[in-house]
Protein backbone atom coordinates (compact mmCIF):
# COMPACT_ATOMS: atom_id res chain seq x y z
CA MET A 1 -25.52 -27.36 95.10
CA ALA A 2 -28.70 -25.42 95.44
CA GLY A 3 -28.72 -22.02 93.85
CA LYS A 4 -25.70 -22.69 91.50
CA LYS A 5 -26.23 -21.32 87.99
CA PRO A 6 -25.64 -23.71 85.11
CA GLU A 7 -22.57 -22.95 82.96
CA ALA A 8 -23.32 -21.29 79.59
CA LYS A 9 -22.42 -23.41 76.60
CA LYS A 10 -19.62 -21.98 74.48
CA PRO A 11 -20.63 -21.36 70.85
CA GLN A 12 -19.00 -23.80 68.44
CA GLN A 13 -16.45 -22.23 66.11
CA ARG A 14 -17.04 -22.81 62.38
CA PRO A 15 -14.11 -23.96 60.36
CA ALA A 16 -12.54 -21.34 58.06
CA PRO A 17 -13.96 -21.55 54.53
CA LYS A 18 -11.71 -22.68 51.72
CA VAL A 19 -10.96 -19.99 49.17
CA ASP A 20 -9.42 -20.54 45.75
CA VAL A 21 -7.01 -17.77 44.84
CA TYR A 22 -5.89 -17.00 41.26
CA VAL A 23 -2.92 -14.79 40.57
CA VAL A 24 -3.63 -12.72 37.46
CA LYS A 25 -0.73 -11.39 35.47
CA SER A 26 -0.16 -10.33 31.85
CA GLU A 27 1.85 -12.52 29.53
CA VAL A 28 2.92 -12.42 25.93
CA PHE A 29 1.83 -15.07 23.47
CA ALA A 30 2.28 -15.62 19.75
CA GLU A 31 -0.79 -15.30 17.56
CA ASN A 32 -0.83 -16.78 14.08
CA VAL A 33 -2.27 -14.28 11.59
CA GLN A 34 -3.23 -15.13 8.01
CA VAL A 35 -3.84 -12.26 5.58
CA PRO A 36 -4.39 -12.31 1.80
CA GLY A 37 -2.09 -10.49 -0.58
CA SER A 38 -1.05 -10.10 -4.20
CA ILE A 39 2.23 -10.57 -6.02
CA VAL A 40 3.07 -7.57 -8.19
CA ALA A 41 5.90 -6.74 -10.56
CA ASN A 42 8.60 -4.36 -9.42
CA GLU A 43 7.62 -2.02 -12.27
CA VAL A 44 4.66 -2.28 -14.66
CA THR A 45 3.36 0.18 -17.23
CA GLU A 46 1.30 0.44 -20.37
CA ILE A 47 3.29 1.52 -23.41
CA HIS A 48 1.76 4.45 -25.32
CA PRO A 49 3.14 6.46 -28.25
CA GLU A 50 3.86 10.16 -27.77
CA VAL A 51 2.48 11.16 -31.18
CA SER A 52 -0.25 10.03 -33.56
CA GLY A 53 0.51 8.24 -36.81
CA ARG A 54 0.57 5.01 -38.79
CA VAL A 55 2.66 2.12 -37.45
CA VAL A 56 5.21 1.08 -40.07
CA SER A 57 7.16 -1.34 -37.85
CA LEU A 58 6.15 -3.37 -34.79
CA ASN A 59 8.72 -5.26 -32.75
CA VAL A 60 6.71 -6.41 -29.72
CA ARG A 61 7.86 -9.92 -28.86
CA GLU A 62 4.98 -11.23 -26.80
CA GLY A 63 6.04 -12.92 -23.59
CA GLN A 64 9.72 -12.22 -24.22
CA SER A 65 12.17 -10.16 -22.22
CA VAL A 66 13.50 -6.93 -23.72
CA GLY A 67 16.16 -4.50 -22.62
CA LYS A 68 15.69 -0.86 -21.76
CA GLY A 69 15.59 1.29 -24.89
CA THR A 70 14.61 -1.53 -27.26
CA LEU A 71 12.67 -0.21 -30.26
CA LEU A 72 9.14 -1.61 -29.97
CA ALA A 73 7.27 0.35 -32.65
CA LYS A 74 8.02 2.88 -35.36
CA ILE A 75 5.51 5.48 -36.58
CA TYR A 76 5.65 6.90 -40.11
CA ASP A 77 7.96 9.92 -40.21
CA GLY A 78 8.40 10.51 -43.97
CA ASP A 79 7.00 14.03 -43.76
CA LEU A 80 9.30 14.91 -40.88
CA GLN A 81 12.34 13.53 -42.69
CA ALA A 82 11.47 15.70 -45.71
CA GLN A 83 11.21 18.78 -43.50
CA LEU A 84 14.55 17.91 -41.93
CA LYS A 85 16.29 17.69 -45.31
CA LYS A 86 14.79 21.01 -46.36
CA LEU A 87 16.00 22.72 -43.19
CA GLN A 88 19.46 21.18 -43.49
CA THR A 89 19.77 22.67 -47.00
CA GLN A 90 18.61 26.05 -45.73
CA LEU A 91 21.11 25.82 -42.88
CA ALA A 92 23.99 25.18 -45.26
CA ILE A 93 23.05 28.29 -47.29
CA ALA A 94 22.54 30.40 -44.16
CA ARG A 95 25.97 29.41 -42.81
CA SER A 96 27.58 30.33 -46.12
CA ASN A 97 25.89 33.74 -46.01
CA GLU A 98 26.97 34.23 -42.41
CA THR A 99 30.57 33.45 -43.36
CA ARG A 100 30.55 36.02 -46.17
CA ALA A 101 28.89 38.55 -43.87
CA SER A 102 31.62 37.97 -41.30
CA GLN A 103 34.30 38.62 -43.90
CA LEU A 104 32.57 41.82 -45.05
CA LEU A 105 32.22 42.95 -41.46
CA ASP A 106 35.99 42.58 -40.98
CA ILE A 107 36.63 45.04 -43.83
CA GLN A 108 33.66 47.18 -42.78
CA GLY A 109 31.79 46.22 -45.93
CA ILE A 110 28.52 45.81 -43.96
CA SER A 111 27.19 47.02 -40.64
CA LYS A 112 27.22 44.97 -37.45
CA GLN A 113 23.43 44.91 -37.62
CA ASP A 114 23.46 43.22 -41.03
CA TYR A 115 25.89 40.58 -39.77
CA ASP A 116 23.77 39.92 -36.68
CA ALA A 117 20.74 39.35 -38.94
CA SER A 118 22.59 36.66 -40.91
CA LEU A 119 23.79 35.00 -37.70
CA LEU A 120 20.23 35.03 -36.31
CA THR A 121 19.00 33.26 -39.43
CA VAL A 122 21.52 30.45 -38.84
CA LYS A 123 20.44 30.05 -35.20
CA ASN A 124 16.72 30.04 -36.09
CA ILE A 125 17.17 27.32 -38.69
CA GLN A 126 19.27 25.28 -36.27
CA ALA A 127 16.49 25.55 -33.66
CA ASP A 128 13.92 24.40 -36.22
CA ILE A 129 16.12 21.39 -37.03
CA ASP A 130 16.29 20.48 -33.33
CA ILE A 131 12.49 20.63 -33.14
CA ILE A 132 12.10 18.33 -36.14
CA ARG A 133 14.66 15.87 -34.77
CA THR A 134 12.80 15.75 -31.47
CA ALA A 135 9.57 15.04 -33.34
CA ILE A 136 11.29 12.20 -35.22
CA ILE A 137 12.52 10.70 -31.96
CA LYS A 138 8.94 10.70 -30.69
CA THR A 139 7.92 8.46 -33.59
CA GLU A 140 10.10 5.74 -32.06
CA VAL A 141 8.43 3.87 -29.20
CA ARG A 142 11.04 2.27 -26.95
CA ALA A 143 10.95 0.12 -23.81
CA PRO A 144 11.10 2.38 -20.72
CA PHE A 145 12.93 -0.31 -18.71
CA SER A 146 14.08 -3.90 -19.00
CA GLY A 147 11.23 -6.32 -18.53
CA LYS A 148 8.87 -8.93 -19.92
CA MET A 149 6.48 -7.92 -22.69
CA GLY A 150 2.79 -8.73 -22.53
CA LEU A 151 0.43 -9.29 -25.44
CA LYS A 152 0.44 -6.70 -28.21
CA GLU A 153 -2.74 -4.67 -28.64
CA ILE A 154 -2.13 -3.38 -32.19
CA SER A 155 -0.90 -4.62 -35.58
CA PRO A 156 1.44 -3.10 -38.18
CA GLY A 157 -0.34 -0.49 -40.28
CA ALA A 158 -2.67 0.60 -37.49
CA TYR A 159 -3.22 4.33 -36.91
CA ILE A 160 -2.45 5.04 -33.26
CA THR A 161 -2.70 8.03 -30.93
CA PRO A 162 -1.20 8.79 -27.51
CA ALA A 163 -4.29 7.12 -25.99
CA THR A 164 -3.53 3.81 -27.76
CA VAL A 165 -2.05 0.98 -25.68
CA ILE A 166 0.62 -0.83 -27.68
CA ALA A 167 1.41 -3.43 -25.01
CA THR A 168 2.20 -3.77 -21.31
CA ILE A 169 5.67 -4.34 -19.91
CA ASN A 170 6.44 -5.88 -16.51
CA GLN A 171 9.76 -5.82 -14.71
CA VAL A 172 9.64 -9.33 -13.22
CA SER A 173 13.30 -9.67 -12.30
CA THR A 174 12.13 -8.43 -8.90
CA LEU A 175 8.68 -9.22 -7.48
CA LYS A 176 6.84 -7.63 -4.58
CA VAL A 177 4.07 -8.80 -2.26
CA ASP A 178 1.38 -6.37 -1.11
CA PHE A 179 -0.77 -7.39 1.87
CA SER A 180 -2.76 -5.73 4.65
CA VAL A 181 -2.13 -6.16 8.38
CA PRO A 182 -4.82 -5.43 11.04
CA GLU A 183 -4.12 -2.20 12.88
CA LYS A 184 -3.41 -3.88 16.24
CA TYR A 185 -0.30 -5.45 14.74
CA THR A 186 1.02 -2.38 12.94
CA SER A 187 3.46 -1.52 15.73
CA GLN A 188 5.23 -4.85 15.12
CA ILE A 189 5.89 -4.24 11.44
CA ARG A 190 9.53 -3.36 10.83
CA GLN A 191 11.49 -2.62 7.68
CA GLY A 192 13.70 -5.60 6.86
CA GLN A 193 11.39 -8.05 8.65
CA ILE A 194 10.92 -11.44 6.94
CA VAL A 195 7.39 -12.60 6.18
CA ASN A 196 6.26 -15.99 4.89
CA PHE A 197 3.57 -16.65 2.29
CA THR A 198 2.12 -19.35 0.04
CA VAL A 199 0.37 -19.28 -3.34
CA GLU A 200 -2.54 -21.26 -4.74
CA GLY A 201 -1.71 -24.64 -6.24
CA ASN A 202 1.69 -24.79 -4.58
CA ASP A 203 2.58 -26.17 -1.15
CA ARG A 204 5.94 -24.43 -1.11
CA ASN A 205 6.60 -21.74 1.49
CA TYR A 206 8.12 -18.49 0.20
CA ALA A 207 9.81 -15.63 2.00
CA ALA A 208 9.84 -11.89 1.41
CA ARG A 209 11.49 -8.93 3.12
CA ILE A 210 9.41 -5.91 4.16
CA VAL A 211 10.66 -2.75 2.47
CA ALA A 212 7.87 -0.22 3.07
CA THR A 213 4.39 0.41 4.46
CA GLU A 214 1.59 2.77 3.52
CA SER A 215 1.77 6.15 5.22
CA ASN A 216 -1.51 5.65 7.10
CA VAL A 217 -4.01 3.01 8.22
CA ASP A 218 -6.96 2.51 5.87
CA VAL A 219 -10.02 3.80 7.71
CA SER A 220 -12.39 1.60 5.71
CA ASN A 221 -10.99 -1.72 6.93
CA ARG A 222 -8.65 -0.59 9.75
CA SER A 223 -5.58 -2.21 8.24
CA LEU A 224 -2.15 -1.13 7.04
CA MET A 225 -0.87 -1.94 3.56
CA VAL A 226 2.58 -3.54 3.66
CA ARG A 227 4.98 -4.14 0.77
CA ALA A 228 7.70 -6.79 0.78
CA VAL A 229 10.28 -7.84 -1.84
CA VAL A 230 10.29 -11.51 -2.80
CA ASN A 231 13.57 -13.38 -2.81
CA SER A 232 14.89 -13.89 -6.33
CA GLY A 233 14.66 -17.18 -8.18
CA THR A 234 11.18 -18.14 -7.01
CA GLY A 235 9.68 -18.61 -10.47
CA LEU A 236 6.49 -16.79 -9.47
CA ASP A 237 4.40 -14.63 -11.79
CA SER A 238 3.04 -11.18 -11.05
CA GLY A 239 -0.67 -10.99 -10.31
CA LEU A 240 -0.84 -14.21 -8.30
CA PHE A 241 -2.98 -14.36 -5.16
CA CYS A 242 -1.00 -15.27 -2.06
CA GLN A 243 -1.63 -15.97 1.62
CA SER A 244 0.70 -14.49 4.21
CA ASP A 245 0.99 -16.67 7.33
CA ASN A 246 3.00 -15.08 10.15
CA GLN A 247 3.14 -14.94 13.93
CA PHE A 248 2.68 -11.70 15.84
CA CYS A 249 3.05 -11.18 19.56
CA ALA A 250 0.07 -10.07 21.68
CA SER A 251 -0.53 -9.67 25.43
CA ARG A 252 -3.34 -11.07 27.59
């Protein structure tokens, strides 16, 4: 028909684009953490004498176990023993005088002041004897606790001073493991927690129980020092290098 307008073409609709959707959520996973450590004795100390003098007896059994209080070394005490005998003689005389003074005081043969002077003499001599006996005890060097002796550093006849190291003693009946944990895992460290570790030259896996941690994180390496007690009967030696291999939880 004349004069009829042509119909406008409808625009073609584009198909909806495909979109990949990812749902992000946090989850917890286990992360294996390996940290180096050292095996240390439960107690370890250098043995020093309290006084200076010549060693007349040495009883350090290298590499052997000793009990607490075992006599390890004896320093010459002849001069002290002589002083002790002299004071003991003086004490016997002073006590005899004090007894006579007491009898005279009862019959008013002397004044109370004179008797007190004789009694004071007895007490002063007794105090001097106690001082000498203490000095004699200090000439005996004894084991501070039960443990395994190291190598001796002196020989009989040596003149030693309080700065002299006689030997080192280690209490190896109980061993401890010291290792550092990165600060991001410190919140997961618990007292009583079991940790696993290995030592060089041995494929065996060992276990230890955490007993304590350092009071603060080390600012130099941002780690926390942890101490664990090794189960008994492992046959390990103190001072060994060890590798702690444990799993800690982390979120992502």
